[in-house]
C-alpha atoms as a PDB file:
ATOM      1  CA  UNK A   1       1.009   7.465 -19.109  1.00  0.00           C
ATOM      2  CA  UNK A   2      -3.017   7.176 -18.909  1.00  0.00           C
ATOM      3  CA  UNK A   3      -2.440   4.281 -21.335  1.00  0.00           C
ATOM      4  CA  UNK A   4      -0.006   2.692 -19.291  1.00  0.00           C
ATOM      5  CA  UNK A   5      -2.087   2.899 -16.028  1.00  0.00           C
ATOM      6  CA  UNK A   6      -5.186   1.375 -17.981  1.00  0.00           C
ATOM      7  CA  UNK A   7      -2.926  -1.796 -19.235  1.00  0.00           C
ATOM      8  CA  UNK A   8      -1.804  -2.038 -15.666  1.00  0.00           C
ATOM      9  CA  UNK A   9      -5.187  -2.077 -14.257  1.00  0.00           C
ATOM     10  CA  UNK A  10      -6.480  -4.362 -17.163  1.00  0.00           C
ATOM     11  CA  UNK A  11      -3.773  -7.025 -16.186  1.00  0.00           C
ATOM     12  CA  UNK A  12      -4.977  -6.757 -12.317  1.00  0.00           C
ATOM     13  CA  UNK A  13      -8.514  -7.336 -13.759  1.00  0.00           C
ATOM     14  CA  UNK A  14      -7.507 -10.409 -15.706  1.00  0.00           C
ATOM     15  CA  UNK A  15      -5.405 -11.789 -12.851  1.00  0.00           C
ATOM     16  CA  UNK A  16      -8.239 -11.241 -10.205  1.00  0.00           C
ATOM     17  CA  UNK A  17     -11.118 -12.616 -12.627  1.00  0.00           C
ATOM     18  CA  UNK A  18      -8.992 -15.324 -14.161  1.00  0.00           C
ATOM     19  CA  UNK A  19     -11.273 -18.246 -13.098  1.00  0.00           C
ATOM     20  CA  UNK A  20     -14.695 -16.728 -14.231  1.00  0.00           C
ATOM     21  CA  UNK A  21     -12.996 -15.531 -17.361  1.00  0.00           C
ATOM     22  CA  UNK A  22     -11.452 -18.715 -18.369  1.00  0.00           C
ATOM     23  CA  UNK A  23     -14.608 -20.591 -17.354  1.00  0.00           C
ATOM     24  CA  UNK A  24     -16.802 -18.358 -19.724  1.00  0.00           C
ATOM     25  CA  UNK A  25     -14.393 -18.587 -22.603  1.00  0.00           C
ATOM     26  CA  UNK A  26     -13.814 -22.235 -22.292  1.00  0.00           C
ATOM     27  CA  UNK A  27     -17.488 -22.685 -22.564  1.00  0.00           C
ATOM     28  CA  UNK A  28     -17.431 -20.885 -25.875  1.00  0.00           C
ATOM     29  CA  UNK A  29     -14.178 -22.845 -26.853  1.00  0.00           C
ATOM     30  CA  UNK A  30     -16.064 -26.329 -26.405  1.00  0.00           C
ATOM     31  CA  UNK A  31     -19.294 -25.027 -28.300  1.00  0.00           C
ATOM     32  CA  UNK A  32     -17.125 -24.176 -31.144  1.00  0.00           C
ATOM     33  CA  UNK A  33     -15.277 -27.383 -30.933  1.00  0.00           C
ATOM     34  CA  UNK A  34     -18.310 -29.378 -30.905  1.00  0.00           C
ATOM     35  CA  UNK A  35     -19.672 -27.261 -33.878  1.00  0.00           C
ATOM     36  CA  UNK A  36     -16.508 -27.954 -36.026  1.00  0.00           C
ATOM     37  CA  UNK A  37     -16.423 -31.885 -35.026  1.00  0.00           C
ATOM     38  CA  UNK A  38     -20.009 -32.264 -36.072  1.00  0.00           C
ATOM     39  CA  UNK A  39     -19.007 -31.114 -39.556  1.00  0.00           C
ATOM     40  CA  UNK A  40     -16.124 -33.275 -39.893  1.00  0.00           C
ATOM     41  CA  UNK A  41     -13.196 -31.208 -38.863  1.00  0.00           C
ATOM     42  CA  UNK A  42     -10.933 -32.645 -36.373  1.00  0.00           C
ATOM     43  CA  UNK A  43      -8.625 -30.274 -34.238  1.00  0.00           C
ATOM     44  CA  UNK A  44      -7.108 -30.723 -31.106  1.00  0.00           C
ATOM     45  CA  UNK A  45      -9.140 -30.981 -28.007  1.00  0.00           C
ATOM     46  CA  UNK A  46      -9.424 -27.734 -26.188  1.00  0.00           C
ATOM     47  CA  UNK A  47      -7.341 -27.197 -22.559  1.00  0.00           C
ATOM     48  CA  UNK A  48      -8.854 -28.302 -19.390  1.00  0.00           C
ATOM     49  CA  UNK A  49     -10.341 -25.648 -17.375  1.00  0.00           C
ATOM     50  CA  UNK A  50      -7.755 -25.520 -14.906  1.00  0.00           C
ATOM     51  CA  UNK A  51      -4.813 -25.140 -17.496  1.00  0.00           C
ATOM     52  CA  UNK A  52      -7.060 -22.349 -18.905  1.00  0.00           C
ATOM     53  CA  UNK A  53      -7.331 -20.604 -15.866  1.00  0.00           C
ATOM     54  CA  UNK A  54      -3.587 -20.877 -14.937  1.00  0.00           C
ATOM     55  CA  UNK A  55      -2.945 -19.486 -18.587  1.00  0.00           C
ATOM     56  CA  UNK A  56      -5.277 -16.329 -17.967  1.00  0.00           C
ATOM     57  CA  UNK A  57      -3.560 -15.999 -14.578  1.00  0.00           C
ATOM     58  CA  UNK A  58       0.030 -15.848 -15.862  1.00  0.00           C
ATOM     59  CA  UNK A  59      -1.243 -13.367 -18.593  1.00  0.00           C
ATOM     60  CA  UNK A  60      -2.494 -10.909 -16.097  1.00  0.00           C
ATOM     61  CA  UNK A  61       0.465 -11.197 -13.942  1.00  0.00           C
ATOM     62  CA  UNK A  62       2.527 -10.791 -16.999  1.00  0.00           C
ATOM     63  CA  UNK A  63       0.784  -7.608 -18.235  1.00  0.00           C
ATOM     64  CA  UNK A  64       1.138  -6.255 -14.738  1.00  0.00           C
ATOM     65  CA  UNK A  65       4.606  -6.800 -14.323  1.00  0.00           C
ATOM     66  CA  UNK A  66       5.391  -5.497 -17.670  1.00  0.00           C
ATOM     67  CA  UNK A  67       3.246  -2.363 -17.460  1.00  0.00           C
ATOM     68  CA  UNK A  68       4.621  -1.813 -14.051  1.00  0.00           C
ATOM     69  CA  UNK A  69       8.074  -1.840 -15.406  1.00  0.00           C
ATOM     70  CA  UNK A  70       7.217   0.441 -18.195  1.00  0.00           C
ATOM     71  CA  UNK A  71       5.651   3.110 -15.815  1.00  0.00           C
ATOM     72  CA  UNK A  72       8.844   2.744 -13.491  1.00  0.00           C
ATOM     73  CA  UNK A  73      11.217   3.254 -16.362  1.00  0.00           C
ATOM     74  CA  UNK A  74       9.034   6.208 -17.838  1.00  0.00           C
ATOM     75  CA  UNK A  75       9.270   7.903 -14.357  1.00  0.00           C
ATOM     76  CA  UNK A  76      13.094   7.325 -13.565  1.00  0.00           C
ATOM     77  CA  UNK A  77      14.640   7.853 -16.953  1.00  0.00           C
END
């Protein structure tokens, strides 16, 4: 039960801090993209900041809902 509650809290933290989390990861993504482009590799462009923010928000909400469902099922069955 401790693992499920921890995962639930992790999902809440991801959903609450989705903007700074996405901004930090996208900075690293753009740096890595520049590194590879300078060496001649062509990959698709990284997503925009707003797309990454939406993605991290939905991931956080999905984790919350999934773990809340697991906790509910564990307690009721």
